[in-house]
Amino acid sequence: AVTIASSGTVEVTASGGVTVNAEDGVTVNADTTTINGDLQVNGDIRATGTATIDTDVIGGGVSLKTHLHPGVESGSSVTGPPA
């Protein structure tokens, strides 16, 4: 095991990429985590809190902000699935 302890900031700078390979997973403990740039996840995502998105959520090609519900009737009827 390798432990790096610091009472200040620890920074890693690379002119190329950085790869972390861990057989037992990776855990990050921090009050907040900021990622600057696009994020690609090749696998499932699970969250125990609320996801807040500033622009839009697109699932299966359907926008959460602009999708329409066909066949809507006034009153207590429910809508159909997104179009």
N, C-alpha and C. Protein backbone atom coordinates (compact mmCIF):
# COMPACT_ATOMS: atom_id res chain seq x y z
N ALA A 1 0.84 -1.18 0.00
CA ALA A 1 0.00 0.00 0.00
C ALA A 1 0.88 1.24 0.00
N VAL A 2 0.39 2.28 -0.66
CA VAL A 2 1.07 3.56 -0.69
C VAL A 2 0.13 4.60 -0.10
N THR A 3 0.58 5.36 0.86
CA THR A 3 -0.22 6.41 1.47
C THR A 3 0.46 7.74 1.23
N ILE A 4 -0.30 8.71 0.76
CA ILE A 4 0.19 10.07 0.59
C ILE A 4 -0.60 10.93 1.56
N ALA A 5 0.09 11.54 2.49
CA ALA A 5 -0.57 12.39 3.48
C ALA A 5 -0.08 13.81 3.30
N SER A 6 -0.99 14.77 3.37
CA SER A 6 -0.62 16.17 3.20
C SER A 6 -1.53 17.03 4.06
N SER A 7 -0.96 18.05 4.67
CA SER A 7 -1.79 19.00 5.41
C SER A 7 -2.29 20.10 4.49
N GLY A 8 -1.85 20.08 3.21
CA GLY A 8 -2.28 21.07 2.22
C GLY A 8 -2.85 20.36 1.00
N THR A 9 -2.73 21.01 -0.14
CA THR A 9 -3.27 20.50 -1.39
C THR A 9 -2.31 19.49 -2.03
N VAL A 10 -2.87 18.45 -2.63
CA VAL A 10 -2.09 17.50 -3.42
C VAL A 10 -2.57 17.63 -4.85
N GLU A 11 -1.66 17.86 -5.77
CA GLU A 11 -2.01 18.07 -7.17
C GLU A 11 -1.20 17.13 -8.05
N VAL A 12 -1.88 16.55 -9.06
CA VAL A 12 -1.21 15.72 -10.05
C VAL A 12 -1.35 16.42 -11.38
N THR A 13 -0.25 16.68 -12.06
CA THR A 13 -0.25 17.34 -13.35
C THR A 13 0.41 16.41 -14.36
N ALA A 14 -0.24 16.20 -15.48
CA ALA A 14 0.31 15.32 -16.52
C ALA A 14 0.10 15.96 -17.87
N SER A 15 1.10 15.88 -18.74
CA SER A 15 0.94 16.43 -20.09
C SER A 15 0.11 15.49 -20.96
N GLY A 16 -0.08 14.26 -20.53
CA GLY A 16 -0.94 13.30 -21.21
C GLY A 16 -2.11 12.95 -20.31
N GLY A 17 -2.62 11.76 -20.44
CA GLY A 17 -3.76 11.33 -19.63
C GLY A 17 -3.31 10.73 -18.31
N VAL A 18 -4.27 10.49 -17.44
CA VAL A 18 -4.04 9.82 -16.17
C VAL A 18 -5.01 8.66 -16.09
N THR A 19 -4.50 7.48 -15.82
CA THR A 19 -5.32 6.29 -15.70
C THR A 19 -5.15 5.69 -14.32
N VAL A 20 -6.28 5.33 -13.69
CA VAL A 20 -6.25 4.66 -12.40
C VAL A 20 -6.86 3.28 -12.59
N ASN A 21 -6.12 2.25 -12.27
CA ASN A 21 -6.61 0.87 -12.34
C ASN A 21 -6.69 0.32 -10.92
N ALA A 22 -7.88 -0.07 -10.50
CA ALA A 22 -8.06 -0.60 -9.15
C ALA A 22 -8.99 -1.80 -9.22
N GLU A 23 -8.52 -2.94 -8.78
CA GLU A 23 -9.34 -4.16 -8.83
C GLU A 23 -10.52 -4.12 -7.88
N ASP A 24 -10.40 -3.39 -6.78
CA ASP A 24 -11.45 -3.39 -5.75
C ASP A 24 -12.27 -2.11 -5.73
N GLY A 25 -12.18 -1.26 -6.78
CA GLY A 25 -12.98 -0.04 -6.84
C GLY A 25 -12.19 1.17 -6.39
N VAL A 26 -12.80 2.33 -6.56
CA VAL A 26 -12.20 3.61 -6.18
C VAL A 26 -13.22 4.37 -5.35
N THR A 27 -12.80 4.90 -4.22
CA THR A 27 -13.67 5.69 -3.36
C THR A 27 -13.07 7.08 -3.21
N VAL A 28 -13.90 8.11 -3.41
CA VAL A 28 -13.49 9.50 -3.21
C VAL A 28 -14.35 10.05 -2.09
N ASN A 29 -13.72 10.52 -1.03
CA ASN A 29 -14.44 11.13 0.09
C ASN A 29 -14.13 12.62 0.09
N ALA A 30 -15.14 13.44 -0.15
CA ALA A 30 -14.96 14.89 -0.18
C ALA A 30 -16.32 15.55 0.02
N ASP A 31 -16.32 16.76 0.56
CA ASP A 31 -17.57 17.50 0.72
C ASP A 31 -18.21 17.77 -0.64
N THR A 32 -17.41 18.15 -1.64
CA THR A 32 -17.88 18.34 -3.01
C THR A 32 -16.81 17.81 -3.96
N THR A 33 -17.24 17.39 -5.13
CA THR A 33 -16.32 16.93 -6.17
C THR A 33 -16.69 17.67 -7.45
N THR A 34 -15.73 18.32 -8.07
CA THR A 34 -15.96 19.08 -9.29
C THR A 34 -15.19 18.44 -10.43
N ILE A 35 -15.88 18.21 -11.55
CA ILE A 35 -15.26 17.71 -12.76
C ILE A 35 -15.45 18.77 -13.82
N ASN A 36 -14.36 19.31 -14.35
CA ASN A 36 -14.42 20.32 -15.40
C ASN A 36 -14.18 19.63 -16.73
N GLY A 37 -15.20 19.60 -17.57
CA GLY A 37 -15.11 18.92 -18.85
C GLY A 37 -16.22 17.88 -18.94
N ASP A 38 -16.32 17.28 -20.11
CA ASP A 38 -17.35 16.27 -20.33
C ASP A 38 -17.05 15.02 -19.51
N LEU A 39 -18.09 14.29 -19.16
CA LEU A 39 -17.96 13.06 -18.38
C LEU A 39 -18.62 11.93 -19.15
N GLN A 40 -17.89 10.87 -19.38
CA GLN A 40 -18.47 9.68 -20.00
C GLN A 40 -18.38 8.54 -19.01
N VAL A 41 -19.49 7.85 -18.80
CA VAL A 41 -19.55 6.71 -17.90
C VAL A 41 -19.92 5.50 -18.73
N ASN A 42 -19.08 4.49 -18.71
CA ASN A 42 -19.35 3.26 -19.46
C ASN A 42 -19.89 2.22 -18.47
N GLY A 43 -21.11 2.40 -18.07
CA GLY A 43 -21.74 1.51 -17.10
C GLY A 43 -22.93 2.21 -16.48
N ASP A 44 -23.54 1.57 -15.54
CA ASP A 44 -24.72 2.11 -14.87
C ASP A 44 -24.34 3.20 -13.89
N ILE A 45 -25.29 4.08 -13.59
CA ILE A 45 -25.11 5.13 -12.60
C ILE A 45 -26.19 4.98 -11.54
N ARG A 46 -25.80 5.06 -10.29
CA ARG A 46 -26.76 5.01 -9.18
C ARG A 46 -26.48 6.19 -8.27
N ALA A 47 -27.51 6.90 -7.86
CA ALA A 47 -27.36 8.03 -6.95
C ALA A 47 -28.34 7.86 -5.80
N THR A 48 -27.91 8.22 -4.62
CA THR A 48 -28.81 8.15 -3.46
C THR A 48 -29.43 9.51 -3.16
N GLY A 49 -28.97 10.55 -3.86
CA GLY A 49 -29.51 11.89 -3.67
C GLY A 49 -30.26 12.36 -4.89
N THR A 50 -30.49 13.64 -4.97
CA THR A 50 -31.22 14.26 -6.06
C THR A 50 -30.27 14.64 -7.18
N ALA A 51 -30.66 14.40 -8.42
CA ALA A 51 -29.90 14.84 -9.59
C ALA A 51 -30.53 16.14 -10.07
N THR A 52 -29.77 17.21 -10.10
CA THR A 52 -30.24 18.50 -10.58
C THR A 52 -29.50 18.82 -11.87
N ILE A 53 -30.24 19.00 -12.95
CA ILE A 53 -29.67 19.25 -14.27
C ILE A 53 -30.08 20.64 -14.71
N ASP A 54 -29.12 21.47 -15.09
CA ASP A 54 -29.41 22.86 -15.45
C ASP A 54 -30.02 23.03 -16.83
N THR A 55 -29.77 22.10 -17.75
CA THR A 55 -30.28 22.30 -19.11
C THR A 55 -31.36 21.29 -19.48
N ASP A 56 -31.04 20.05 -19.69
CA ASP A 56 -32.03 19.07 -20.13
C ASP A 56 -31.55 17.67 -19.78
N VAL A 57 -32.48 16.74 -19.73
CA VAL A 57 -32.19 15.32 -19.59
C VAL A 57 -32.78 14.64 -20.80
N ILE A 58 -31.99 13.83 -21.49
CA ILE A 58 -32.47 13.13 -22.67
C ILE A 58 -32.33 11.64 -22.42
N GLY A 59 -33.43 10.93 -22.47
CA GLY A 59 -33.45 9.49 -22.28
C GLY A 59 -34.07 8.82 -23.48
N GLY A 60 -33.35 7.90 -24.10
CA GLY A 60 -33.88 7.23 -25.29
C GLY A 60 -34.20 8.20 -26.41
N GLY A 61 -33.46 9.31 -26.47
CA GLY A 61 -33.70 10.30 -27.51
C GLY A 61 -34.85 11.26 -27.22
N VAL A 62 -35.46 11.15 -26.03
CA VAL A 62 -36.60 12.00 -25.69
C VAL A 62 -36.17 13.04 -24.66
N SER A 63 -36.39 14.31 -24.99
CA SER A 63 -36.03 15.42 -24.11
C SER A 63 -37.04 15.54 -22.98
N LEU A 64 -36.54 15.69 -21.75
CA LEU A 64 -37.44 15.89 -20.61
C LEU A 64 -38.09 17.26 -20.67
N LYS A 65 -37.42 18.25 -21.28
CA LYS A 65 -37.95 19.61 -21.34
C LYS A 65 -38.95 19.82 -22.47
N THR A 66 -38.75 19.17 -23.62
CA THR A 66 -39.55 19.53 -24.79
C THR A 66 -40.44 18.42 -25.32
N HIS A 67 -40.46 17.27 -24.67
CA HIS A 67 -41.31 16.19 -25.20
C HIS A 67 -42.79 16.53 -25.05
N LEU A 68 -43.60 15.94 -25.89
CA LEU A 68 -45.05 16.18 -25.88
C LEU A 68 -45.78 14.91 -25.50
N HIS A 69 -46.94 15.06 -24.92
CA HIS A 69 -47.81 13.94 -24.58
C HIS A 69 -49.03 13.99 -25.48
N PRO A 70 -49.17 13.02 -26.37
CA PRO A 70 -50.34 13.02 -27.26
C PRO A 70 -51.60 12.55 -26.53
N GLY A 71 -52.73 12.89 -27.07
CA GLY A 71 -54.01 12.39 -26.56
C GLY A 71 -54.38 12.91 -25.18
N VAL A 72 -53.97 14.10 -24.84
CA VAL A 72 -54.26 14.65 -23.52
C VAL A 72 -55.71 15.14 -23.51
N GLU A 73 -56.43 14.76 -22.45
CA GLU A 73 -57.80 15.21 -22.27
C GLU A 73 -57.89 16.04 -21.00
N SER A 74 -58.78 17.02 -20.99
CA SER A 74 -58.93 17.84 -19.79
C SER A 74 -59.58 17.02 -18.68
N GLY A 75 -59.44 17.51 -17.48
CA GLY A 75 -60.05 16.82 -16.34
C GLY A 75 -59.03 15.97 -15.61
N SER A 76 -59.48 14.84 -15.08
CA SER A 76 -58.61 14.00 -14.27
C SER A 76 -57.91 12.90 -15.05
N SER A 77 -57.98 12.93 -16.40
CA SER A 77 -57.35 11.92 -17.22
C SER A 77 -55.83 12.03 -17.09
N VAL A 78 -55.14 10.91 -17.34
CA VAL A 78 -53.68 10.91 -17.34
C VAL A 78 -53.19 10.92 -18.77
N THR A 79 -51.97 11.38 -18.98
CA THR A 79 -51.42 11.48 -20.33
C THR A 79 -50.86 10.15 -20.79
N GLY A 80 -50.61 10.07 -22.08
CA GLY A 80 -49.93 8.92 -22.64
C GLY A 80 -48.44 9.06 -22.47
N PRO A 81 -47.67 8.10 -22.93
CA PRO A 81 -46.21 8.19 -22.84
C PRO A 81 -45.68 9.30 -23.74
N PRO A 82 -44.44 9.74 -23.52
CA PRO A 82 -43.87 10.80 -24.35
C PRO A 82 -43.86 10.43 -25.83
N ALA A 83 -44.00 11.44 -26.69
CA ALA A 83 -43.95 11.21 -28.14
C ALA A 83 -42.57 11.50 -28.64
